[in-house]
């Protein structure tokens, strides 16, 4: 379990990833540079973007400015991007990666993910990721939104095991079965939308726990993740919210509180179901 915003977790290829990252989903490209810079200055060392977010250029500018403002090197930052589902052939994946790298203005990525499993095309895309990984252009490769069936198929053909699976995960979608499968194969789970796009912040149970600890509902949820060794990508455009989301290391949720939060699971999604998502 991590104990600070700076703490990192070892992946199955011996690369370390920050336990908490800043996501830039749905942030306009014109605003992203400012957000990313602020995040780095506030201490975030993982920046998560994607081809489909259409803000890699702003993200790259924010990274450059943030590194300078924080006085840290590129090697201290962990940058993730993802290939979208209309680029899943081998050649298209290679080209999509090179385009993302150019937009970000970087020499390498720390992590590159297949954004959604789609149909069987992800096997060819994974072969491209393995090639990029072996060439040293990516420090680690993984997947996003993969269900157990997708992972089983991938693992049958893969030469490199994914380091993580980034999925929608929050108290109402705790993904226990998927988490157990990934743990068995040394694949870390990273949560996107851990606050259920803000829809959990007024939940009576979470509000009650927050009031008992004199903290915010968001801090309750993020602490629930941390105490289960779930990696996090949290989105915020406000520096004060970035700070608040990271201030979750001076309190502990009790076993009873964790049990109550676990009981909220009802398999509810705010995002698409990977088994039925039509990305075309």
C-alpha atoms as a PDB file:
ATOM      1  CA  UNK A   1       0.000   0.000   0.000  1.00  0.00           C
ATOM      2  CA  UNK A   2       1.264   3.469  -0.855  1.00  0.00           C
ATOM      3  CA  UNK A   3       1.731   5.994   1.954  1.00  0.00           C
ATOM      4  CA  UNK A   4       2.221   9.229   0.001  1.00  0.00           C
ATOM      5  CA  UNK A   5       1.623  10.816  -3.376  1.00  0.00           C
ATOM      6  CA  UNK A   6       5.249  10.086  -4.254  1.00  0.00           C
ATOM      7  CA  UNK A   7       5.064   6.358  -3.534  1.00  0.00           C
ATOM      8  CA  UNK A   8       5.369   3.906  -6.407  1.00  0.00           C
ATOM      9  CA  UNK A   9       4.294   0.325  -7.022  1.00  0.00           C
ATOM     10  CA  UNK A  10       6.442  -2.276  -8.779  1.00  0.00           C
ATOM     11  CA  UNK A  11       4.963  -3.649 -11.999  1.00  0.00           C
ATOM     12  CA  UNK A  12       5.581  -7.171 -13.286  1.00  0.00           C
ATOM     13  CA  UNK A  13       8.434  -5.962 -15.528  1.00  0.00           C
ATOM     14  CA  UNK A  14      10.181  -4.294 -12.560  1.00  0.00           C
ATOM     15  CA  UNK A  15       9.194  -0.783 -13.644  1.00  0.00           C
ATOM     16  CA  UNK A  16       7.755   1.382 -10.869  1.00  0.00           C
ATOM     17  CA  UNK A  17       4.522   3.314 -11.376  1.00  0.00           C
ATOM     18  CA  UNK A  18       3.165   6.102  -9.126  1.00  0.00           C
ATOM     19  CA  UNK A  19       0.179   4.924  -7.108  1.00  0.00           C
ATOM     20  CA  UNK A  20      -1.879   7.999  -7.973  1.00  0.00           C
ATOM     21  CA  UNK A  21      -1.958   9.816 -11.295  1.00  0.00           C
ATOM     22  CA  UNK A  22      -3.608  12.839 -12.870  1.00  0.00           C
ATOM     23  CA  UNK A  23      -5.976  12.094 -15.749  1.00  0.00           C
ATOM     24  CA  UNK A  24      -6.915  14.578 -18.473  1.00  0.00           C
ATOM     25  CA  UNK A  25     -10.035  12.949 -19.950  1.00  0.00           C
ATOM     26  CA  UNK A  26     -12.493  15.508 -21.385  1.00  0.00           C
ATOM     27  CA  UNK A  27     -10.168  18.441 -20.733  1.00  0.00           C
ATOM     28  CA  UNK A  28      -9.916  20.671 -23.849  1.00  0.00           C
ATOM     29  CA  UNK A  29      -6.486  20.759 -25.445  1.00  0.00           C
ATOM     30  CA  UNK A  30      -6.308  24.518 -24.893  1.00  0.00           C
ATOM     31  CA  UNK A  31      -6.716  24.002 -21.137  1.00  0.00           C
ATOM     32  CA  UNK A  32      -4.698  20.836 -20.689  1.00  0.00           C
ATOM     33  CA  UNK A  33      -1.242  22.431 -20.536  1.00  0.00           C
ATOM     34  CA  UNK A  34      -2.225  24.562 -17.553  1.00  0.00           C
ATOM     35  CA  UNK A  35      -3.849  21.597 -15.774  1.00  0.00           C
ATOM     36  CA  UNK A  36      -0.892  19.264 -16.327  1.00  0.00           C
ATOM     37  CA  UNK A  37       1.622  21.876 -15.246  1.00  0.00           C
ATOM     38  CA  UNK A  38      -0.375  22.536 -12.061  1.00  0.00           C
ATOM     39  CA  UNK A  39      -0.586  18.819 -11.356  1.00  0.00           C
ATOM     40  CA  UNK A  40       3.153  18.323 -11.648  1.00  0.00           C
ATOM     41  CA  UNK A  41       3.813  21.333  -9.415  1.00  0.00           C
ATOM     42  CA  UNK A  42       1.349  19.873  -6.864  1.00  0.00           C
ATOM     43  CA  UNK A  43       3.378  16.671  -6.779  1.00  0.00           C
ATOM     44  CA  UNK A  44       1.662  14.370  -9.262  1.00  0.00           C
ATOM     45  CA  UNK A  45       4.184  12.206 -11.083  1.00  0.00           C
ATOM     46  CA  UNK A  46       1.847  10.229 -13.348  1.00  0.00           C
ATOM     47  CA  UNK A  47       0.061  11.931 -16.244  1.00  0.00           C
ATOM     48  CA  UNK A  48      -2.571   9.880 -18.092  1.00  0.00           C
ATOM     49  CA  UNK A  49      -3.850  10.853 -21.540  1.00  0.00           C
ATOM     50  CA  UNK A  50      -5.014   9.067 -24.713  1.00  0.00           C
ATOM     51  CA  UNK A  51      -5.175   9.485 -28.451  1.00  0.00           C
ATOM     52  CA  UNK A  52      -8.977   9.864 -28.381  1.00  0.00           C
ATOM     53  CA  UNK A  53      -8.844  12.617 -25.739  1.00  0.00           C
ATOM     54  CA  UNK A  54      -7.469  14.927 -28.442  1.00  0.00           C
ATOM     55  CA  UNK A  55      -5.309  16.786 -25.928  1.00  0.00           C
ATOM     56  CA  UNK A  56      -1.885  15.167 -26.290  1.00  0.00           C
ATOM     57  CA  UNK A  57      -0.381  18.390 -27.635  1.00  0.00           C
ATOM     58  CA  UNK A  58      -1.559  20.354 -24.590  1.00  0.00           C
ATOM     59  CA  UNK A  59      -0.461  17.514 -22.335  1.00  0.00           C
ATOM     60  CA  UNK A  60       3.019  17.615 -23.838  1.00  0.00           C
ATOM     61  CA  UNK A  61       3.280  21.375 -23.350  1.00  0.00           C
ATOM     62  CA  UNK A  62       2.095  20.990 -19.750  1.00  0.00           C
ATOM     63  CA  UNK A  63       4.685  18.281 -19.133  1.00  0.00           C
ATOM     64  CA  UNK A  64       7.504  20.456 -20.439  1.00  0.00           C
ATOM     65  CA  UNK A  65       6.396  23.488 -18.434  1.00  0.00           C
ATOM     66  CA  UNK A  66       5.615  21.397 -15.348  1.00  0.00           C
ATOM     67  CA  UNK A  67       9.013  19.716 -15.294  1.00  0.00           C
ATOM     68  CA  UNK A  68      10.702  23.099 -15.483  1.00  0.00           C
ATOM     69  CA  UNK A  69       8.478  24.667 -12.813  1.00  0.00           C
ATOM     70  CA  UNK A  70       8.885  21.707 -10.445  1.00  0.00           C
ATOM     71  CA  UNK A  71      12.607  21.393 -11.103  1.00  0.00           C
ATOM     72  CA  UNK A  72      12.456  17.684 -11.882  1.00  0.00           C
ATOM     73  CA  UNK A  73      13.728  15.535 -14.753  1.00  0.00           C
ATOM     74  CA  UNK A  74      11.676  13.704 -17.365  1.00  0.00           C
ATOM     75  CA  UNK A  75      12.745  10.426 -15.762  1.00  0.00           C
ATOM     76  CA  UNK A  76      10.866  11.362 -12.586  1.00  0.00           C
ATOM     77  CA  UNK A  77       7.591  11.577 -14.498  1.00  0.00           C
ATOM     78  CA  UNK A  78       5.454   8.642 -15.652  1.00  0.00           C
ATOM     79  CA  UNK A  79       3.459   9.322 -18.839  1.00  0.00           C
ATOM     80  CA  UNK A  80       0.681   7.088 -20.167  1.00  0.00           C
ATOM     81  CA  UNK A  81      -1.200   7.235 -23.451  1.00  0.00           C
ATOM     82  CA  UNK A  82      -3.517   4.838 -25.279  1.00  0.00           C
ATOM     83  CA  UNK A  83      -4.219   3.672 -28.812  1.00  0.00           C
ATOM     84  CA  UNK A  84      -7.827   4.057 -29.938  1.00  0.00           C
ATOM     85  CA  UNK A  85      -9.896   1.264 -31.426  1.00  0.00           C
ATOM     86  CA  UNK A  86      -9.748   2.440 -35.034  1.00  0.00           C
ATOM     87  CA  UNK A  87      -5.982   1.840 -35.078  1.00  0.00           C
ATOM     88  CA  UNK A  88      -5.715  -1.803 -34.041  1.00  0.00           C
ATOM     89  CA  UNK A  89      -3.881  -3.341 -36.982  1.00  0.00           C
ATOM     90  CA  UNK A  90      -0.145  -3.794 -36.469  1.00  0.00           C
ATOM     91  CA  UNK A  91       0.876  -0.959 -38.793  1.00  0.00           C
ATOM     92  CA  UNK A  92      -1.887   1.378 -37.591  1.00  0.00           C
ATOM     93  CA  UNK A  93      -0.879   0.835 -33.973  1.00  0.00           C
ATOM     94  CA  UNK A  94       2.762   1.634 -34.729  1.00  0.00           C
ATOM     95  CA  UNK A  95       1.707   4.798 -36.556  1.00  0.00           C
ATOM     96  CA  UNK A  96      -0.725   5.816 -33.809  1.00  0.00           C
ATOM     97  CA  UNK A  97       2.043   5.451 -31.239  1.00  0.00           C
ATOM     98  CA  UNK A  98       4.483   7.540 -33.261  1.00  0.00           C
ATOM     99  CA  UNK A  99       1.828  10.233 -33.726  1.00  0.00           C
ATOM    100  CA  UNK A 100       1.068  10.322 -30.006  1.00  0.00           C
ATOM    101  CA  UNK A 101       4.760  10.505 -29.158  1.00  0.00           C
ATOM    102  CA  UNK A 102       5.220  13.422 -31.558  1.00  0.00           C
ATOM    103  CA  UNK A 103       2.193  15.266 -30.199  1.00  0.00           C
ATOM    104  CA  UNK A 104       3.459  14.826 -26.654  1.00  0.00           C
ATOM    105  CA  UNK A 105       6.935  15.969 -27.664  1.00  0.00           C
ATOM    106  CA  UNK A 106       8.555  13.024 -25.900  1.00  0.00           C
ATOM    107  CA  UNK A 107      11.288  10.532 -26.747  1.00  0.00           C
ATOM    108  CA  UNK A 108       9.513   7.610 -25.073  1.00  0.00           C
ATOM    109  CA  UNK A 109       6.363   6.678 -23.159  1.00  0.00           C
ATOM    110  CA  UNK A 110       6.390   5.052 -19.762  1.00  0.00           C
ATOM    111  CA  UNK A 111       3.178   3.152 -20.490  1.00  0.00           C
ATOM    112  CA  UNK A 112       1.097   2.545 -23.608  1.00  0.00           C
ATOM    113  CA  UNK A 113      -2.307   0.880 -23.443  1.00  0.00           C
ATOM    114  CA  UNK A 114      -4.842  -0.621 -25.805  1.00  0.00           C
ATOM    115  CA  UNK A 115      -7.788   1.610 -24.882  1.00  0.00           C
ATOM    116  CA  UNK A 116     -10.641  -0.855 -25.478  1.00  0.00           C
ATOM    117  CA  UNK A 117     -10.597  -4.526 -26.456  1.00  0.00           C
ATOM    118  CA  UNK A 118     -13.007  -4.195 -29.375  1.00  0.00           C
ATOM    119  CA  UNK A 119     -13.103  -7.537 -31.136  1.00  0.00           C
ATOM    120  CA  UNK A 120     -10.201  -9.831 -32.042  1.00  0.00           C
ATOM    121  CA  UNK A 121      -8.149  -6.972 -33.518  1.00  0.00           C
ATOM    122  CA  UNK A 122      -6.430  -6.324 -30.190  1.00  0.00           C
ATOM    123  CA  UNK A 123      -4.174  -9.349 -30.750  1.00  0.00           C
ATOM    124  CA  UNK A 124      -2.512  -7.673 -33.723  1.00  0.00           C
ATOM    125  CA  UNK A 125      -2.306  -4.392 -31.835  1.00  0.00           C
ATOM    126  CA  UNK A 126      -0.680  -6.156 -28.896  1.00  0.00           C
ATOM    127  CA  UNK A 127       1.976  -7.557 -31.223  1.00  0.00           C
ATOM    128  CA  UNK A 128       2.802  -3.979 -32.208  1.00  0.00           C
ATOM    129  CA  UNK A 129       3.005  -2.914 -28.566  1.00  0.00           C
ATOM    130  CA  UNK A 130       5.371  -5.790 -27.866  1.00  0.00           C
ATOM    131  CA  UNK A 131       7.603  -4.644 -30.746  1.00  0.00           C
ATOM    132  CA  UNK A 132       7.636  -1.045 -29.463  1.00  0.00           C
ATOM    133  CA  UNK A 133       8.386  -2.315 -25.955  1.00  0.00           C
ATOM    134  CA  UNK A 134      11.256  -4.514 -27.131  1.00  0.00           C
ATOM    135  CA  UNK A 135      12.633  -1.551 -29.104  1.00  0.00           C
ATOM    136  CA  UNK A 136      12.741   0.529 -25.908  1.00  0.00           C
ATOM    137  CA  UNK A 137      10.239   3.127 -27.073  1.00  0.00           C
ATOM    138  CA  UNK A 138       7.852   2.192 -24.256  1.00  0.00           C
ATOM    139  CA  UNK A 139       8.881   1.273 -20.705  1.00  0.00           C
ATOM    140  CA  UNK A 140       5.758  -0.840 -20.097  1.00  0.00           C
ATOM    141  CA  UNK A 141       2.668  -1.997 -21.998  1.00  0.00           C
ATOM    142  CA  UNK A 142      -0.820  -2.808 -20.831  1.00  0.00           C
ATOM    143  CA  UNK A 143      -4.528  -2.727 -21.568  1.00  0.00           C
ATOM    144  CA  UNK A 144      -7.612  -0.791 -20.603  1.00  0.00           C
ATOM    145  CA  UNK A 145     -11.220  -1.942 -20.162  1.00  0.00           C
ATOM    146  CA  UNK A 146     -10.355  -5.603 -20.704  1.00  0.00           C
ATOM    147  CA  UNK A 147     -12.710  -8.179 -19.241  1.00  0.00           C
ATOM    148  CA  UNK A 148     -11.545 -11.630 -18.135  1.00  0.00           C
ATOM    149  CA  UNK A 149     -12.488 -13.148 -21.500  1.00  0.00           C
ATOM    150  CA  UNK A 150     -10.345 -10.578 -23.317  1.00  0.00           C
ATOM    151  CA  UNK A 151      -7.414 -11.134 -20.974  1.00  0.00           C
ATOM    152  CA  UNK A 152      -7.629 -14.908 -21.330  1.00  0.00           C
ATOM    153  CA  UNK A 153      -7.435 -14.587 -25.098  1.00  0.00           C
ATOM    154  CA  UNK A 154      -4.588 -12.093 -24.927  1.00  0.00           C
ATOM    155  CA  UNK A 155      -2.567 -14.180 -22.475  1.00  0.00           C
ATOM    156  CA  UNK A 156      -2.857 -17.178 -24.788  1.00  0.00           C
ATOM    157  CA  UNK A 157      -1.052 -15.290 -27.553  1.00  0.00           C
ATOM    158  CA  UNK A 158       1.103 -12.730 -25.739  1.00  0.00           C
ATOM    159  CA  UNK A 159       4.856 -12.917 -25.377  1.00  0.00           C
ATOM    160  CA  UNK A 160       4.780 -10.018 -22.906  1.00  0.00           C
ATOM    161  CA  UNK A 161       2.272 -10.015 -20.049  1.00  0.00           C
ATOM    162  CA  UNK A 162       0.379  -6.712 -19.624  1.00  0.00           C
ATOM    163  CA  UNK A 163       1.622  -4.779 -16.600  1.00  0.00           C
ATOM    164  CA  UNK A 164      -1.824  -3.387 -15.796  1.00  0.00           C
ATOM    165  CA  UNK A 165      -5.470  -3.197 -16.773  1.00  0.00           C
ATOM    166  CA  UNK A 166      -7.038   0.252 -16.437  1.00  0.00           C
ATOM    167  CA  UNK A 167     -10.774  -0.134 -15.802  1.00  0.00           C
ATOM    168  CA  UNK A 168     -13.782   1.694 -14.435  1.00  0.00           C
ATOM    169  CA  UNK A 169     -13.710   0.957 -10.717  1.00  0.00           C
ATOM    170  CA  UNK A 170     -15.452   2.559  -7.738  1.00  0.00           C
ATOM    171  CA  UNK A 171     -17.510   1.378  -4.737  1.00  0.00           C
ATOM    172  CA  UNK A 172     -20.548   0.663  -6.947  1.00  0.00           C
ATOM    173  CA  UNK A 173     -18.412  -1.296  -9.434  1.00  0.00           C
ATOM    174  CA  UNK A 174     -15.713  -2.966  -7.372  1.00  0.00           C
ATOM    175  CA  UNK A 175     -14.687  -5.509 -10.055  1.00  0.00           C
ATOM    176  CA  UNK A 176     -13.759  -8.215  -7.526  1.00  0.00           C
ATOM    177  CA  UNK A 177     -13.672 -11.130  -9.976  1.00  0.00           C
ATOM    178  CA  UNK A 178     -11.596  -9.175 -12.494  1.00  0.00           C
ATOM    179  CA  UNK A 179      -9.250  -7.974  -9.769  1.00  0.00           C
ATOM    180  CA  UNK A 180      -8.705 -11.524  -8.547  1.00  0.00           C
ATOM    181  CA  UNK A 181      -7.957 -12.724 -12.083  1.00  0.00           C
ATOM    182  CA  UNK A 182      -5.474  -9.925 -12.672  1.00  0.00           C
ATOM    183  CA  UNK A 183      -3.775 -10.535  -9.326  1.00  0.00           C
ATOM    184  CA  UNK A 184      -3.328 -14.200 -10.266  1.00  0.00           C
ATOM    185  CA  UNK A 185      -1.455 -13.100 -13.402  1.00  0.00           C
ATOM    186  CA  UNK A 186       0.543 -10.262 -11.767  1.00  0.00           C
ATOM    187  CA  UNK A 187      -1.437  -7.620 -13.675  1.00  0.00           C
ATOM    188  CA  UNK A 188      -2.079  -4.475 -11.636  1.00  0.00           C
ATOM    189  CA  UNK A 189      -5.504  -2.846 -11.613  1.00  0.00           C
ATOM    190  CA  UNK A 190      -5.713   0.902 -12.176  1.00  0.00           C
ATOM    191  CA  UNK A 191      -9.035   2.660 -11.631  1.00  0.00           C
ATOM    192  CA  UNK A 192     -10.446   5.255 -13.966  1.00  0.00           C
ATOM    193  CA  UNK A 193     -13.471   7.256 -12.837  1.00  0.00           C
ATOM    194  CA  UNK A 194     -12.842   6.258  -9.184  1.00  0.00           C
ATOM    195  CA  UNK A 195     -15.378   8.897  -8.086  1.00  0.00           C
ATOM    196  CA  UNK A 196     -17.980   7.622 -10.577  1.00  0.00           C
ATOM    197  CA  UNK A 197     -17.712  10.954 -12.419  1.00  0.00           C
ATOM    198  CA  UNK A 198     -18.683  12.708  -9.186  1.00  0.00           C
ATOM    199  CA  UNK A 199     -21.955  10.826  -8.839  1.00  0.00           C
ATOM    200  CA  UNK A 200     -20.843   9.154  -5.586  1.00  0.00           C
ATOM    201  CA  UNK A 201     -19.961  12.356  -3.765  1.00  0.00           C
ATOM    202  CA  UNK A 202     -23.473  12.779  -2.337  1.00  0.00           C
ATOM    203  CA  UNK A 203     -24.039   9.133  -1.454  1.00  0.00           C
ATOM    204  CA  UNK A 204     -25.365   9.081   2.150  1.00  0.00           C
ATOM    205  CA  UNK A 205     -23.094   6.250   3.280  1.00  0.00           C
ATOM    206  CA  UNK A 206     -19.974   7.914   1.916  1.00  0.00           C
ATOM    207  CA  UNK A 207     -20.994  11.323   3.272  1.00  0.00           C
ATOM    208  CA  UNK A 208     -21.509   9.796   6.732  1.00  0.00           C
ATOM    209  CA  UNK A 209     -18.037   8.249   6.747  1.00  0.00           C
ATOM    210  CA  UNK A 210     -16.532  11.505   5.488  1.00  0.00           C
ATOM    211  CA  UNK A 211     -18.174  13.489   8.272  1.00  0.00           C
ATOM    212  CA  UNK A 212     -16.888  11.032  10.883  1.00  0.00           C
ATOM    213  CA  UNK A 213     -13.309  11.632   9.696  1.00  0.00           C
ATOM    214  CA  UNK A 214     -13.765  15.345   8.934  1.00  0.00           C
ATOM    215  CA  UNK A 215     -12.745  14.762   5.323  1.00  0.00           C
ATOM    216  CA  UNK A 216     -14.432  14.959   1.921  1.00  0.00           C
ATOM    217  CA  UNK A 217     -16.448  12.148   0.278  1.00  0.00           C
ATOM    218  CA  UNK A 218     -13.858  12.068  -2.518  1.00  0.00           C
ATOM    219  CA  UNK A 219     -11.115  11.416   0.033  1.00  0.00           C
ATOM    220  CA  UNK A 220     -13.118   8.520   1.483  1.00  0.00           C
ATOM    221  CA  UNK A 221     -13.429   6.871  -1.924  1.00  0.00           C
ATOM    222  CA  UNK A 222      -9.802   7.382  -2.900  1.00  0.00           C
ATOM    223  CA  UNK A 223      -8.635   6.073   0.456  1.00  0.00           C
ATOM    224  CA  UNK A 224     -10.863   3.002  -0.081  1.00  0.00           C
ATOM    225  CA  UNK A 225      -8.888   2.372  -3.281  1.00  0.00           C
ATOM    226  CA  UNK A 226      -5.485   2.944  -1.698  1.00  0.00           C
ATOM    227  CA  UNK A 227      -6.184   0.536   1.167  1.00  0.00           C
ATOM    228  CA  UNK A 228      -6.864  -2.169  -1.435  1.00  0.00           C
ATOM    229  CA  UNK A 229      -3.693  -1.456  -3.439  1.00  0.00           C
ATOM    230  CA  UNK A 230      -5.708  -0.178  -6.394  1.00  0.00           C
ATOM    231  CA  UNK A 231      -3.801   2.252  -8.596  1.00  0.00           C
ATOM    232  CA  UNK A 232      -5.623   5.496  -9.347  1.00  0.00           C
ATOM    233  CA  UNK A 233      -6.090   7.997 -12.153  1.00  0.00           C
ATOM    234  CA  UNK A 234      -8.005  11.012 -10.864  1.00  0.00           C
ATOM    235  CA  UNK A 235      -9.165  13.923 -12.995  1.00  0.00           C
ATOM    236  CA  UNK A 236      -9.328  17.504 -11.746  1.00  0.00           C
ATOM    237  CA  UNK A 237      -8.845  20.884 -13.373  1.00  0.00           C
ATOM    238  CA  UNK A 238      -8.615  22.792 -10.086  1.00  0.00           C
ATOM    239  CA  UNK A 239      -5.280  22.900  -8.192  1.00  0.00           C
ATOM    240  CA  UNK A 240      -7.059  22.941  -4.819  1.00  0.00           C
ATOM    241  CA  UNK A 241      -8.989  19.793  -5.781  1.00  0.00           C
ATOM    242  CA  UNK A 242      -5.763  18.147  -6.926  1.00  0.00           C
ATOM    243  CA  UNK A 243      -4.304  18.829  -3.493  1.00  0.00           C
ATOM    244  CA  UNK A 244      -7.391  17.574  -1.682  1.00  0.00           C
ATOM    245  CA  UNK A 245      -7.459  14.360  -3.719  1.00  0.00           C
ATOM    246  CA  UNK A 246      -3.861  13.685  -2.682  1.00  0.00           C
ATOM    247  CA  UNK A 247      -4.438  14.405   1.031  1.00  0.00           C
ATOM    248  CA  UNK A 248      -5.548  10.881   1.908  1.00  0.00           C
ATOM    249  CA  UNK A 249      -2.597   9.619   3.885  1.00  0.00           C
ATOM    250  CA  UNK A 250      -3.245  10.986   7.369  1.00  0.00           C
ATOM    251  CA  UNK A 251      -6.283   8.829   8.155  1.00  0.00           C
ATOM    252  CA  UNK A 252      -7.295   5.177   7.871  1.00  0.00           C
ATOM    253  CA  UNK A 253     -10.681   3.668   7.127  1.00  0.00           C
ATOM    254  CA  UNK A 254     -11.618   1.009   9.659  1.00  0.00           C
ATOM    255  CA  UNK A 255     -12.414  -2.573   8.700  1.00  0.00           C
ATOM    256  CA  UNK A 256     -16.084  -1.870   9.379  1.00  0.00           C
ATOM    257  CA  UNK A 257     -16.017   1.197   7.132  1.00  0.00           C
ATOM    258  CA  UNK A 258     -14.306  -0.771   4.373  1.00  0.00           C
ATOM    259  CA  UNK A 259     -16.960  -3.477   4.708  1.00  0.00           C
ATOM    260  CA  UNK A 260     -19.745  -0.905   4.431  1.00  0.00           C
ATOM    261  CA  UNK A 261     -18.154   0.619   1.347  1.00  0.00           C
ATOM    262  CA  UNK A 262     -17.615  -2.797  -0.230  1.00  0.00           C
ATOM    263  CA  UNK A 263     -21.313  -3.533   0.269  1.00  0.00           C
ATOM    264  CA  UNK A 264     -22.219  -0.649  -2.060  1.00  0.00           C
ATOM    265  CA  UNK A 265     -21.176  -2.711  -5.080  1.00  0.00           C
ATOM    266  CA  UNK A 266     -24.074  -3.316  -7.446  1.00  0.00           C
ATOM    267  CA  UNK A 267     -22.111  -3.603 -10.727  1.00  0.00           C
ATOM    268  CA  UNK A 268     -23.259  -0.140 -11.849  1.00  0.00           C
ATOM    269  CA  UNK A 269     -21.304   1.482 -14.684  1.00  0.00           C
ATOM    270  CA  UNK A 270     -21.143   5.125 -15.723  1.00  0.00           C
ATOM    271  CA  UNK A 271     -19.038   4.215 -18.739  1.00  0.00           C
ATOM    272  CA  UNK A 272     -19.627   1.716 -21.561  1.00  0.00           C
ATOM    273  CA  UNK A 273     -19.671  -2.025 -21.012  1.00  0.00           C
ATOM    274  CA  UNK A 274     -16.531  -3.409 -22.692  1.00  0.00           C
ATOM    275  CA  UNK A 275     -18.495  -6.436 -23.915  1.00  0.00           C
ATOM    276  CA  UNK A 276     -20.963  -4.338 -25.888  1.00  0.00           C
ATOM    277  CA  UNK A 277     -19.189  -1.025 -26.529  1.00  0.00           C
ATOM    278  CA  UNK A 278     -19.417  -0.037 -30.200  1.00  0.00           C
ATOM    279  CA  UNK A 279     -16.572   2.392 -30.803  1.00  0.00           C
ATOM    280  CA  UNK A 280     -17.193   2.855 -34.530  1.00  0.00           C
END
